[in-house]
Amino acid sequence: MSQALRTLDYAADLLQKLRRYDEAADLYSVMLMQQIYRLNTRGYWYDRLALLHDFHLKNKAKVGWLDYGDHRGSLAVSCRRCLCRLCR
């Protein structure tokens, strides 16, 4: 599954380069629905999705629904892991 998400991430980047922003936003939404794999890249996906809706798709209403709650949780886990590595 992690490899599939990496492929979807690469596909979303390619779609952005091809200026197919609506399809890229759909891919980022699909990737953000899962909460098991690639937790460390969720923040990047949220940022890209917000950028797509705000600037490229001119859909300011959808930017408000982006919730960073899941990202903060995974960020806390990442910080704990880094601290554990530093304490070794």
PDB file of N, CA and C in Angstrom:
ATOM      1  N   MET A   1       0.816  -1.196   0.000  1.00  0.00           N
ATOM      2  CA  MET A   1       0.000   0.000   0.000  1.00  0.00           C
ATOM      3  C   MET A   1       0.855   1.253   0.000  1.00  0.00           C
ATOM      4  N   SER A   2       1.961   1.222   0.725  1.00  0.00           N
ATOM      5  CA  SER A   2       2.839   2.384   0.777  1.00  0.00           C
ATOM      6  C   SER A   2       3.394   2.709  -0.611  1.00  0.00           C
ATOM      7  N   GLN A   3       3.726   1.669  -1.355  1.00  0.00           N
ATOM      8  CA  GLN A   3       4.233   1.882  -2.715  1.00  0.00           C
ATOM      9  C   GLN A   3       3.152   2.476  -3.614  1.00  0.00           C
ATOM     10  N   ALA A   4       1.909   2.062  -3.414  1.00  0.00           N
ATOM     11  CA  ALA A   4       0.808   2.619  -4.200  1.00  0.00           C
ATOM     12  C   ALA A   4       0.626   4.104  -3.890  1.00  0.00           C
ATOM     13  N   LEU A   5       0.763   4.472  -2.628  1.00  0.00           N
ATOM     14  CA  LEU A   5       0.657   5.892  -2.263  1.00  0.00           C
ATOM     15  C   LEU A   5       1.811   6.704  -2.841  1.00  0.00           C
ATOM     16  N   ARG A   6       2.981   6.115  -2.870  1.00  0.00           N
ATOM     17  CA  ARG A   6       4.124   6.808  -3.476  1.00  0.00           C
ATOM     18  C   ARG A   6       3.864   7.040  -4.963  1.00  0.00           C
ATOM     19  N   THR A   7       3.260   6.061  -5.614  1.00  0.00           N
ATOM     20  CA  THR A   7       2.923   6.200  -7.033  1.00  0.00           C
ATOM     21  C   THR A   7       1.855   7.274  -7.234  1.00  0.00           C
ATOM     22  N   LEU A   8       0.847   7.298  -6.355  1.00  0.00           N
ATOM     23  CA  LEU A   8      -0.185   8.334  -6.449  1.00  0.00           C
ATOM     24  C   LEU A   8       0.393   9.723  -6.198  1.00  0.00           C
ATOM     25  N   ASP A   9       1.344   9.822  -5.278  1.00  0.00           N
ATOM     26  CA  ASP A   9       1.998  11.096  -5.001  1.00  0.00           C
ATOM     27  C   ASP A   9       2.749  11.581  -6.238  1.00  0.00           C
ATOM     28  N   TYR A  10       3.460  10.674  -6.873  1.00  0.00           N
ATOM     29  CA  TYR A  10       4.182  11.015  -8.100  1.00  0.00           C
ATOM     30  C   TYR A  10       3.207  11.414  -9.205  1.00  0.00           C
ATOM     31  N   ALA A  11       2.090  10.700  -9.318  1.00  0.00           N
ATOM     32  CA  ALA A  11       1.084  11.019 -10.335  1.00  0.00           C
ATOM     33  C   ALA A  11       0.464  12.394 -10.083  1.00  0.00           C
ATOM     34  N   ALA A  12       0.218  12.728  -8.810  1.00  0.00           N
ATOM     35  CA  ALA A  12      -0.342  14.048  -8.492  1.00  0.00           C
ATOM     36  C   ALA A  12       0.632  15.157  -8.876  1.00  0.00           C
ATOM     37  N   ASP A  13       1.919  14.942  -8.630  1.00  0.00           N
ATOM     38  CA  ASP A  13       2.915  15.934  -9.040  1.00  0.00           C
ATOM     39  C   ASP A  13       2.940  16.103 -10.559  1.00  0.00           C
ATOM     40  N   LEU A  14       2.838  14.990 -11.272  1.00  0.00           N
ATOM     41  CA  LEU A  14       2.813  15.074 -12.734  1.00  0.00           C
ATOM     42  C   LEU A  14       1.573  15.801 -13.242  1.00  0.00           C
ATOM     43  N   LEU A  15       0.432  15.527 -12.617  1.00  0.00           N
ATOM     44  CA  LEU A  15      -0.800  16.207 -13.019  1.00  0.00           C
ATOM     45  C   LEU A  15      -0.703  17.708 -12.786  1.00  0.00           C
ATOM     46  N   GLN A  16      -0.034  18.107 -11.722  1.00  0.00           N
ATOM     47  CA  GLN A  16       0.149  19.538 -11.491  1.00  0.00           C
ATOM     48  C   GLN A  16       1.031  20.158 -12.566  1.00  0.00           C
ATOM     49  N   LYS A  17       2.069  19.452 -12.969  1.00  0.00           N
ATOM     50  CA  LYS A  17       2.943  19.971 -14.019  1.00  0.00           C
ATOM     51  C   LYS A  17       2.216  20.073 -15.352  1.00  0.00           C
ATOM     52  N   LEU A  18       1.231  19.189 -15.543  1.00  0.00           N
ATOM     53  CA  LEU A  18       0.424  19.240 -16.765  1.00  0.00           C
ATOM     54  C   LEU A  18      -0.750  20.213 -16.645  1.00  0.00           C
ATOM     55  N   ARG A  19      -0.832  20.895 -15.501  1.00  0.00           N
ATOM     56  CA  ARG A  19      -1.880  21.886 -15.217  1.00  0.00           C
ATOM     57  C   ARG A  19      -3.283  21.278 -15.185  1.00  0.00           C
ATOM     58  N   ARG A  20      -3.351  20.047 -14.758  1.00  0.00           N
ATOM     59  CA  ARG A  20      -4.644  19.379 -14.559  1.00  0.00           C
ATOM     60  C   ARG A  20      -4.902  19.360 -13.057  1.00  0.00           C
ATOM     61  N   TYR A  21      -5.183  20.559 -12.536  1.00  0.00           N
ATOM     62  CA  TYR A  21      -5.236  20.771 -11.097  1.00  0.00           C
ATOM     63  C   TYR A  21      -6.407  20.077 -10.423  1.00  0.00           C
ATOM     64  N   ASP A  22      -7.538  19.984 -11.105  1.00  0.00           N
ATOM     65  CA  ASP A  22      -8.696  19.341 -10.475  1.00  0.00           C
ATOM     66  C   ASP A  22      -8.434  17.854 -10.225  1.00  0.00           C
ATOM     67  N   GLU A  23      -7.768  17.194 -11.162  1.00  0.00           N
ATOM     68  CA  GLU A  23      -7.455  15.779 -10.988  1.00  0.00           C
ATOM     69  C   GLU A  23      -6.392  15.583  -9.907  1.00  0.00           C
ATOM     70  N   ALA A  24      -5.434  16.498  -9.837  1.00  0.00           N
ATOM     71  CA  ALA A  24      -4.412  16.420  -8.791  1.00  0.00           C
ATOM     72  C   ALA A  24      -5.043  16.602  -7.414  1.00  0.00           C
ATOM     73  N   ALA A  25      -5.996  17.520  -7.305  1.00  0.00           N
ATOM     74  CA  ALA A  25      -6.682  17.732  -6.024  1.00  0.00           C
ATOM     75  C   ALA A  25      -7.455  16.482  -5.621  1.00  0.00           C
ATOM     76  N   ASP A  26      -8.066  15.808  -6.571  1.00  0.00           N
ATOM     77  CA  ASP A  26      -8.771  14.563  -6.264  1.00  0.00           C
ATOM     78  C   ASP A  26      -7.805  13.504  -5.734  1.00  0.00           C
ATOM     79  N   LEU A  27      -6.628  13.401  -6.342  1.00  0.00           N
ATOM     80  CA  LEU A  27      -5.644  12.416  -5.878  1.00  0.00           C
ATOM     81  C   LEU A  27      -5.172  12.731  -4.464  1.00  0.00           C
ATOM     82  N   TYR A  28      -4.908  14.010  -4.186  1.00  0.00           N
ATOM     83  CA  TYR A  28      -4.481  14.374  -2.832  1.00  0.00           C
ATOM     84  C   TYR A  28      -5.582  14.069  -1.819  1.00  0.00           C
ATOM     85  N   SER A  29      -6.827  14.288  -2.189  1.00  0.00           N
ATOM     86  CA  SER A  29      -7.935  13.973  -1.283  1.00  0.00           C
ATOM     87  C   SER A  29      -7.995  12.475  -1.000  1.00  0.00           C
ATOM     88  N   VAL A  30      -7.792  11.665  -2.023  1.00  0.00           N
ATOM     89  CA  VAL A  30      -7.795  10.211  -1.848  1.00  0.00           C
ATOM     90  C   VAL A  30      -6.645   9.782  -0.938  1.00  0.00           C
ATOM     91  N   MET A  31      -5.471  10.371  -1.144  1.00  0.00           N
ATOM     92  CA  MET A  31      -4.322   9.999  -0.321  1.00  0.00           C
ATOM     93  C   MET A  31      -4.522  10.408   1.133  1.00  0.00           C
ATOM     94  N   LEU A  32      -5.221  11.523   1.361  1.00  0.00           N
ATOM     95  CA  LEU A  32      -5.440  11.981   2.726  1.00  0.00           C
ATOM     96  C   LEU A  32      -6.527  11.192   3.446  1.00  0.00           C
ATOM     97  N   MET A  33      -7.350  10.461   2.719  1.00  0.00           N
ATOM     98  CA  MET A  33      -8.403   9.655   3.356  1.00  0.00           C
ATOM     99  C   MET A  33      -7.828   8.521   4.193  1.00  0.00           C
ATOM    100  N   GLN A  34      -6.718   7.953   3.767  1.00  0.00           N
ATOM    101  CA  GLN A  34      -6.125   6.859   4.524  1.00  0.00           C
ATOM    102  C   GLN A  34      -5.274   7.454   5.652  1.00  0.00           C
ATOM    103  N   GLN A  35      -5.178   6.726   6.760  1.00  0.00           N
ATOM    104  CA  GLN A  35      -4.446   7.236   7.913  1.00  0.00           C
ATOM    105  C   GLN A  35      -3.472   6.211   8.478  1.00  0.00           C
ATOM    106  N   ILE A  36      -2.946   5.360   7.609  1.00  0.00           N
ATOM    107  CA  ILE A  36      -2.040   4.317   8.082  1.00  0.00           C
ATOM    108  C   ILE A  36      -0.638   4.494   7.501  1.00  0.00           C
ATOM    109  N   TYR A  37      -0.547   4.732   6.222  1.00  0.00           N
ATOM    110  CA  TYR A  37       0.737   4.757   5.543  1.00  0.00           C
ATOM    111  C   TYR A  37       1.182   6.190   5.245  1.00  0.00           C
ATOM    112  N   ARG A  38       2.494   6.375   5.190  1.00  0.00           N
ATOM    113  CA  ARG A  38       3.141   7.640   4.822  1.00  0.00           C
ATOM    114  C   ARG A  38       2.590   8.824   5.621  1.00  0.00           C
ATOM    115  N   LEU A  39       2.552   8.648   6.915  1.00  0.00           N
ATOM    116  CA  LEU A  39       2.036   9.701   7.793  1.00  0.00           C
ATOM    117  C   LEU A  39       2.931  10.937   7.781  1.00  0.00           C
ATOM    118  N   ASN A  40       4.202  10.753   7.506  1.00  0.00           N
ATOM    119  CA  ASN A  40       5.105  11.891   7.514  1.00  0.00           C
ATOM    120  C   ASN A  40       4.927  12.808   6.303  1.00  0.00           C
ATOM    121  N   THR A  41       4.206  12.388   5.280  1.00  0.00           N
ATOM    122  CA  THR A  41       3.992  13.247   4.113  1.00  0.00           C
ATOM    123  C   THR A  41       2.592  13.849   4.072  1.00  0.00           C
ATOM    124  N   ARG A  42       1.784  13.578   5.093  1.00  0.00           N
ATOM    125  CA  ARG A  42       0.427  14.120   5.110  1.00  0.00           C
ATOM    126  C   ARG A  42       0.424  15.647   5.143  1.00  0.00           C
ATOM    127  N   GLY A  43       1.354  16.244   5.863  1.00  0.00           N
ATOM    128  CA  GLY A  43       1.425  17.704   5.913  1.00  0.00           C
ATOM    129  C   GLY A  43       1.681  18.298   4.544  1.00  0.00           C
ATOM    130  N   TYR A  44       2.572  17.669   3.792  1.00  0.00           N
ATOM    131  CA  TYR A  44       2.848  18.121   2.431  1.00  0.00           C
ATOM    132  C   TYR A  44       1.600  18.000   1.562  1.00  0.00           C
ATOM    133  N   TRP A  45       0.876  16.890   1.720  1.00  0.00           N
ATOM    134  CA  TRP A  45      -0.340  16.694   0.923  1.00  0.00           C
ATOM    135  C   TRP A  45      -1.391  17.734   1.272  1.00  0.00           C
ATOM    136  N   TYR A  46      -1.551  18.037   2.579  1.00  0.00           N
ATOM    137  CA  TYR A  46      -2.498  19.076   2.986  1.00  0.00           C
ATOM    138  C   TYR A  46      -2.113  20.422   2.370  1.00  0.00           C
ATOM    139  N   ASP A  47      -0.830  20.743   2.426  1.00  0.00           N
ATOM    140  CA  ASP A  47      -0.376  22.020   1.868  1.00  0.00           C
ATOM    141  C   ASP A  47      -0.622  22.102   0.367  1.00  0.00           C
ATOM    142  N   ARG A  48      -0.323  21.026  -0.339  1.00  0.00           N
ATOM    143  CA  ARG A  48      -0.536  21.023  -1.788  1.00  0.00           C
ATOM    144  C   ARG A  48      -2.025  21.133  -2.128  1.00  0.00           C
ATOM    145  N   LEU A  49      -2.859  20.428  -1.367  1.00  0.00           N
ATOM    146  CA  LEU A  49      -4.294  20.478  -1.613  1.00  0.00           C
ATOM    147  C   LEU A  49      -4.839  21.881  -1.341  1.00  0.00           C
ATOM    148  N   ALA A  50      -4.381  22.507  -0.274  1.00  0.00           N
ATOM    149  CA  ALA A  50      -4.817  23.874   0.027  1.00  0.00           C
ATOM    150  C   ALA A  50      -4.354  24.839  -1.059  1.00  0.00           C
ATOM    151  N   LEU A  51      -3.132  24.666  -1.536  1.00  0.00           N
ATOM    152  CA  LEU A  51      -2.611  25.517  -2.606  1.00  0.00           C
ATOM    153  C   LEU A  51      -3.420  25.340  -3.885  1.00  0.00           C
ATOM    154  N   LEU A  52      -3.739  24.116  -4.217  1.00  0.00           N
ATOM    155  CA  LEU A  52      -4.525  23.859  -5.426  1.00  0.00           C
ATOM    156  C   LEU A  52      -5.895  24.515  -5.342  1.00  0.00           C
ATOM    157  N   HIS A  53      -6.569  24.353  -4.205  1.00  0.00           N
ATOM    158  CA  HIS A  53      -7.911  24.924  -4.070  1.00  0.00           C
ATOM    159  C   HIS A  53      -7.870  26.446  -3.992  1.00  0.00           C
ATOM    160  N   ASP A  54      -6.851  26.975  -3.360  1.00  0.00           N
ATOM    161  CA  ASP A  54      -6.802  28.417  -3.135  1.00  0.00           C
ATOM    162  C   ASP A  54      -6.358  29.181  -4.378  1.00  0.00           C
ATOM    163  N   PHE A  55      -5.279  28.766  -5.003  1.00  0.00           N
ATOM    164  CA  PHE A  55      -4.713  29.537  -6.098  1.00  0.00           C
ATOM    165  C   PHE A  55      -5.118  29.046  -7.487  1.00  0.00           C
ATOM    166  N   HIS A  56      -5.026  27.760  -7.705  1.00  0.00           N
ATOM    167  CA  HIS A  56      -5.233  27.248  -9.055  1.00  0.00           C
ATOM    168  C   HIS A  56      -6.700  27.033  -9.395  1.00  0.00           C
ATOM    169  N   LEU A  57      -7.457  26.486  -8.445  1.00  0.00           N
ATOM    170  CA  LEU A  57      -8.860  26.214  -8.722  1.00  0.00           C
ATOM    171  C   LEU A  57      -9.766  27.364  -8.304  1.00  0.00           C
ATOM    172  N   LYS A  58      -9.202  28.344  -7.596  1.00  0.00           N
ATOM    173  CA  LYS A  58      -9.953  29.533  -7.137  1.00  0.00           C
ATOM    174  C   LYS A  58     -11.187  29.137  -6.345  1.00  0.00           C
ATOM    175  N   ASN A  59     -11.033  28.112  -5.525  1.00  0.00           N
ATOM    176  CA  ASN A  59     -12.152  27.607  -4.731  1.00  0.00           C
ATOM    177  C   ASN A  59     -11.846  27.864  -3.262  1.00  0.00           C
ATOM    178  N   LYS A  60     -12.044  29.088  -2.819  1.00  0.00           N
ATOM    179  CA  LYS A  60     -11.695  29.492  -1.455  1.00  0.00           C
ATOM    180  C   LYS A  60     -12.567  28.790  -0.419  1.00  0.00           C
ATOM    181  N   ALA A  61     -13.778  28.400  -0.773  1.00  0.00           N
ATOM    182  CA  ALA A  61     -14.670  27.757   0.189  1.00  0.00           C
ATOM    183  C   ALA A  61     -14.132  26.394   0.622  1.00  0.00           C
ATOM    184  N   LYS A  62     -13.483  25.672  -0.267  1.00  0.00           N
ATOM    185  CA  LYS A  62     -12.990  24.337   0.079  1.00  0.00           C
ATOM    186  C   LYS A  62     -11.739  24.393   0.931  1.00  0.00           C
ATOM    187  N   VAL A  63     -11.034  25.511   0.934  1.00  0.00           N
ATOM    188  CA  VAL A  63      -9.820  25.605   1.744  1.00  0.00           C
ATOM    189  C   VAL A  63     -10.179  25.572   3.221  1.00  0.00           C
ATOM    190  N   GLY A  64     -11.340  26.088   3.597  1.00  0.00           N
ATOM    191  CA  GLY A  64     -11.752  26.121   4.986  1.00  0.00           C
ATOM    192  C   GLY A  64     -11.989  24.762   5.591  1.00  0.00           C
ATOM    193  N   TRP A  65     -12.342  23.761   4.793  1.00  0.00           N
ATOM    194  CA  TRP A  65     -12.629  22.449   5.366  1.00  0.00           C
ATOM    195  C   TRP A  65     -11.371  21.652   5.647  1.00  0.00           C
ATOM    196  N   LEU A  66     -10.229  22.098   5.157  1.00  0.00           N
ATOM    197  CA  LEU A  66      -8.994  21.357   5.405  1.00  0.00           C
ATOM    198  C   LEU A  66      -8.668  21.402   6.894  1.00  0.00           C
ATOM    199  N   ASP A  67      -8.645  20.260   7.514  1.00  0.00           N
ATOM    200  CA  ASP A  67      -8.422  20.161   8.948  1.00  0.00           C
ATOM    201  C   ASP A  67      -7.035  19.595   9.191  1.00  0.00           C
ATOM    202  N   TYR A  68      -6.239  20.322   9.941  1.00  0.00           N
ATOM    203  CA  TYR A  68      -4.878  19.877  10.219  1.00  0.00           C
ATOM    204  C   TYR A  68      -4.793  18.987  11.455  1.00  0.00           C
ATOM    205  N   GLY A  69      -5.926  18.565  11.989  1.00  0.00           N
ATOM    206  CA  GLY A  69      -5.911  17.747  13.196  1.00  0.00           C
ATOM    207  C   GLY A  69      -5.140  16.450  13.022  1.00  0.00           C
ATOM    208  N   ASP A  70      -5.359  15.734  11.947  1.00  0.00           N
ATOM    209  CA  ASP A  70      -4.658  14.470  11.716  1.00  0.00           C
ATOM    210  C   ASP A  70      -3.170  14.704  11.534  1.00  0.00           C
ATOM    211  N   HIS A  71      -2.835  15.777  10.849  1.00  0.00           N
ATOM    212  CA  HIS A  71      -1.429  16.072  10.597  1.00  0.00           C
ATOM    213  C   HIS A  71      -0.708  16.377  11.910  1.00  0.00           C
ATOM    214  N   ARG A  72      -1.349  17.105  12.806  1.00  0.00           N
ATOM    215  CA  ARG A  72      -0.705  17.429  14.075  1.00  0.00           C
ATOM    216  C   ARG A  72      -0.443  16.169  14.885  1.00  0.00           C
ATOM    217  N   GLY A  73      -1.361  15.222  14.819  1.00  0.00           N
ATOM    218  CA  GLY A  73      -1.143  13.971  15.537  1.00  0.00           C
ATOM    219  C   GLY A  73       0.044  13.203  14.998  1.00  0.00           C
ATOM    220  N   SER A  74       0.153  13.129  13.693  1.00  0.00           N
ATOM    221  CA  SER A  74       1.276  12.409  13.103  1.00  0.00           C
ATOM    222  C   SER A  74       2.569  13.191  13.296  1.00  0.00           C
ATOM    223  N   LEU A  75       2.470  14.523  13.380  1.00  0.00           N
ATOM    224  CA  LEU A  75       3.652  15.329  13.638  1.00  0.00           C
ATOM    225  C   LEU A  75       4.170  15.064  15.045  1.00  0.00           C
ATOM    226  N   ALA A  76       3.256  14.907  16.004  1.00  0.00           N
ATOM    227  CA  ALA A  76       3.672  14.608  17.375  1.00  0.00           C
ATOM    228  C   ALA A  76       4.377  13.259  17.436  1.00  0.00           C
ATOM    229  N   VAL A  77       3.880  12.284  16.705  1.00  0.00           N
ATOM    230  CA  VAL A  77       4.523  10.969  16.667  1.00  0.00           C
ATOM    231  C   VAL A  77       5.912  11.082  16.052  1.00  0.00           C
ATOM    232  N   SER A  78       6.033  11.863  14.985  1.00  0.00           N
ATOM    233  CA  SER A  78       7.333  12.044  14.334  1.00  0.00           C
ATOM    234  C   SER A  78       8.314  12.730  15.272  1.00  0.00           C
ATOM    235  N   CYS A  79       7.833  13.722  16.012  1.00  0.00           N
ATOM    236  CA  CYS A  79       8.716  14.423  16.958  1.00  0.00           C
ATOM    237  C   CYS A  79       9.191  13.484  18.059  1.00  0.00           C
ATOM    238  N   ARG A  80       8.279  12.631  18.558  1.00  0.00           N
ATOM    239  CA  ARG A  80       8.682  11.665  19.585  1.00  0.00           C
ATOM    240  C   ARG A  80       9.743  10.713  19.058  1.00  0.00           C
ATOM    241  N   ARG A  81       9.590  10.280  17.825  1.00  0.00           N
ATOM    242  CA  ARG A  81      10.587   9.379  17.231  1.00  0.00           C
ATOM    243  C   ARG A  81      11.941  10.060  17.129  1.00  0.00           C
ATOM    244  N   CYS A  82      11.945  11.328  16.705  1.00  0.00           N
ATOM    245  CA  CYS A  82      13.212  12.061  16.595  1.00  0.00           C
ATOM    246  C   CYS A  82      13.860  12.225  17.952  1.00  0.00           C
ATOM    247  N   LEU A  83      13.065  12.536  18.980  1.00  0.00           N
ATOM    248  CA  LEU A  83      13.620  12.680  20.319  1.00  0.00           C
ATOM    249  C   LEU A  83      14.208  11.373  20.834  1.00  0.00           C
ATOM    250  N   CYS A  84      13.539  10.264  20.533  1.00  0.00           N
ATOM    251  CA  CYS A  84      14.049   8.965  20.947  1.00  0.00           C
ATOM    252  C   CYS A  84      15.385   8.669  20.268  1.00  0.00           C
ATOM    253  N   ARG A  85      15.503   9.040  19.008  1.00  0.00           N
ATOM    254  CA  ARG A  85      16.765   8.823  18.301  1.00  0.00           C
ATOM    255  C   ARG A  85      17.879   9.681  18.886  1.00  0.00           C
ATOM    256  N   LEU A  86      17.550  10.912  19.265  1.00  0.00           N
ATOM    257  CA  LEU A  86      18.558  11.809  19.824  1.00  0.00           C
ATOM    258  C   LEU A  86      19.012  11.349  21.204  1.00  0.00           C
ATOM    259  N   CYS A  87      18.120  10.739  21.958  1.00  0.00           N
ATOM    260  CA  CYS A  87      18.453  10.304  23.317  1.00  0.00           C
ATOM    261  C   CYS A  87      19.315   9.053  23.332  1.00  0.00           C
ATOM    262  N   ARG A  88      19.400   8.351  22.247  1.00  0.00           N
ATOM    263  CA  ARG A  88      20.206   7.110  22.202  1.00  0.00           C
ATOM    264  C   ARG A  88      21.665   7.388  22.284  1.00  0.00           C
TER     265      ARG A  88
END
